[in-house]
Amino acid sequence: MPSALFVLMLLAALCSLGCAMSRDEKLKLRNQVVEMFDHAYQNYMDHAYPADELMPLTCRGRVRGLEPSRGDVDDALGKFSLTLIDTLDTLVLLNKTAEFEAAVRRVLSDVRLDNDIVVSVFETNIRVLGGLLGGHSMAVMLKEEGQHMRWYQDELLHMAKDLGLRLLPAFNTSSGLPYPRVNLKYGVRGPESRTGTETDTCTACAGTIILEFAALSRFTGDPVFEAHARRALDFLWEKRQRNSNLVGTTINIHSGEWVRRDSGVGAGIDSYYEYLLKAYVLLGDEQFLQRFNIHYASIMKYISQPPLLLDVHIHKPLLPARTWMDSLLAFFPGLQVLKGDIRPAIETHEMLYQVTKKHNFLPEAFTTDFRVHWAQHPLRPEFAESTYFLYKATGDPYYLEAGRTIMDNLNRFARVPCGFAAMKDVRTGSHEDRMDSFFLAEMFKYLFLLFADPEDLRFDVEDYIFTTEAHLLPLSLSTTPHVSSVPPNQTIPQVEQEELDDSNFDWTCPNTRLLFPDPAFPRNLREPIRSAVDRSCPRPAPYREPGMGAPPLRAQDFMANNPEHLELLRRMGVSLIHLKDGRVQLVQHATQAVSPIAAEDGVRFMQEMMELSSQQQKEQLPPRAIQIVSHPFFGRVVLTAGPAQFGTDLSKSATGVRGFVTVAEPYTGCGEITNGEEVQGHIALLQRGQCMFAEKARHIQKAGAIGGIVVDDNEGSSSDTAPLFQMAGDGRSTDDIALPLLFLFHKEGNILLEALKEYRQVEVLLGDKARDRAAIFKGADVREAEEDCQTEATSPTASESEATTTTSGKDGDASPTGGEDVGPAEDVGPAEADAPKADGGEEEEQRVDGAGRSADRLLADWRDDLEAFRQMEKDEL
């Protein structure tokens, strides 16, 4: 027996180093990908179509103008059934040809492109134009096979050309760089267009046009589209910083001056580099390859600090621009595979994988020591993309396991009855009412291809190039006649030939063959990175040039009400902005400094301010979670809550505090609790105001409550727009308070009130983060609970609908074109004490009766979704 045990342990150890996944296991995972896609796509079609996107928490479509504005992120919505168009070629890749044919017919009959609406040129190009072209490519391929789409007469291509013509007015600038927005009906600059006044755009916004526009030109024979895209790329290339060969993040579309001079491979620049290399692959023009190689050499020299990729300043590339990374750079290892530079791709991917395992998803931004900087995660596909390309390049089954981790986390933490919901906060597991179109366009393509064998696909994917939105364009377009912006007899300028290093051309062609037969090679690269993330590497110190000395103002000495300090900031090009929520934001523009030396002092000041902000965040308590676990929510609704600086520390509790919610009387909790028998053993719901938080806690504790939830009385307040609120004590010892107290803003508090109104008995779990449902219900218990409740009235409430909404980055650039350069928004005071209010609190009955809107209209949908979830649990998803 001992020898047999030793053999089993040895086999387990060897498999942990890279056992091949069986075909049956890959088939199971591939089928699971298809089931997940069906869940997302069918819910969009059932609950959202013809709207642009699905709101998965409220089971309805997002229609621009009918929902509260989310800022720039809404510029992707044009009332053109965005998600359906973005998903067309995904349907074919997943062998859903009948659904594809039906979807094409819907697009042709229902979608209008002449809406009087202002949209992002960048997003409309990669999602809608790219989606139409990818759909056209698939339709032509299926028609040639002779079994499907025999009726097709290039209708999607005609729509694509119509859309391309509607985007062209944006390119009417002296530089050739497009305006960031265009009115689909009226173009730009006209009195009816409501756009055309912008001066800035991001580098990716202007440099991520060539694949779609060139494909459109070559499909239609009209060279105007490719010519405009080439002109924009030529201008960006000319404006690169000639010493560092890097480009900035934001550029003035008229003058060509760099507005933001920080440079990286993430938000604002990412797909510019991607499209230079892929334009060479698709079009065969070596000029694109040469430009990419020059940029790539500078990226590896200045930005790449394996496994990190850190932004720098284009004029001072040894000077870091920030100490955090954004999640959009997760595409870069995949691009490095296409380039053929596998070693740094393995290293950076491993760092991203470890951060993913640490937080379940890649946070929208994270620090160099792998802490959360921005906590959102809008279900971005870039990490899955790089995982697929690394598996294709190495054949290492390790990347199949990484893909399994992605799927498991999506099903455990993001799956909801009506689709998949974006994560508002990866630390707490709270959701956003958002499922972007790129989730269907990209995520399921890459996951399906990761587990698919060649015989599982109806076409050879190697005959296509993936756009940045993962749309499929045929490589045969390279042989289509076109008009080049560079005459055939014109040679590359001598300066470019001198800058070019021949070594950059190693492995420049796409290569998906097995590059490393020895599985130990990638494993040996990964091990030190895994260890580094586990022990959280120390943050690198800001770079200082020799002889520059200390800046005239240190961040730790800065006072916002000191006139001398404000004058010093002005001289360094730093502006002070007072936000409506009480915070102060610092923004640095080097061009506004009185001298280059002062500008560098400003950069150093901002660097110190970010470090100081990070240290202050360490001292603050993280957000807590309130998870509704009773019928019909079963743990799927999680509310972000503020902590108290007294009472039970939920981070030290493995199980949290679970109980039914009871509204305290008086609702303010500022006197003896009169309904003590109802509150005893329950979690008391209270209203903010009229007394200190600690006093409320003492009153409900005396009444026998096991916990408390304080709801903000500031109508309209929300965790979406306000910084984290921490409840402070009352100036004296709070050691006597032994129960947990959490704070909900008005919007989230109304969710609980409405749930109480609808279901009367609402059970919640107070914790430091959302718990896995299997842990809450002990596995099978949740299935039994759902089955028992299926015969009851099971309509969901707006508690699930209004749970979370935030503004986060877009798929391609995710960076606002103007505004914050380096500086963070600083919270003024990490904690607040609840001061007495003069106006008094409202009565309990008034609060409950006025909470939210009825959710009866979702009754039928909810019953259907309960059945789907029972099946999901049986499949152990």
Foldseek 3Di string as FASTA:
>chain_A
DVVVVVVVVVVVVVVVLFDDDDLVVLVLLLVVLVVQLCLAVVLCVVAEPPFQFFQQLQSHHDHPPVDPDQPQQCLLGDSFSQLLLLQLLVCQFSVNQVVNQVSVVCSLVPGDQQDQDKHFLQSCQCRRLLSLQLNLVVLVVVCVVPPPNVVDDCSSLVVSVLQLVLQVLQLPAPQLFGFRMAGSNPGADDPSTPHNPDFKAFQLSRQQRQPSQLLSCLVVVPQPSNLSSVSSLVSQQVLQLVVLLFGFQMAGSHPRHRFFQKGWCFFRHPCNLVCLLVCCLQQVDCVSVLSSLLHVVSQVVQQCPWQGGFIAGRVCSVFTQAFKDFPRSLLVLLSVLQQVNNLNSLRNLLLLLLLCVVLVHRARMAGLLSHHDQFWFQQFQRSLSSLLLNCLAAVGCVSVVSLVSNSVSQVFQQDDLSHGFTARGSQFSATASGHHSLNSSHNSSSSSSSSDDPVSGPDDQVQFDQRLSGRTDGSVSNPRDHDDPDDPPDDDDPSSVVSGDPVSNPSSHNDRHNPDPDSVVSVVSNVVSSVSNVVRPDGDDGDDDPPLDAQPDALVPDDPPDPVNQVLCQQLQWDWDQDPQGWIWIAHGNVRHPDNSSVVSNSVRQRRNVVVQVVVVVVFDDWWWKAWCAPPRNRNHIATWAFEPDADDQAPPPFFDKFWEDQFVVQQLQDATPPLVVQAAHEYEHEFAADWPLSSLVRSVVSHHQHYEYEYPPPPDAVQPHPGEYGYDDPDDSNVRHHTYIYGYNLLSLLVLQCCVVPVIIMIGIHRHRDRSCVVQVQCNSLVSLVVCLPDQHFHFCNSVRRDHYRFADNRNRDDNDDHRRHDIHHDDSYDIRDHDDVDDDGPVVSSVPRDDGRSVCRVSSSVSSVVVSVVSVSVD
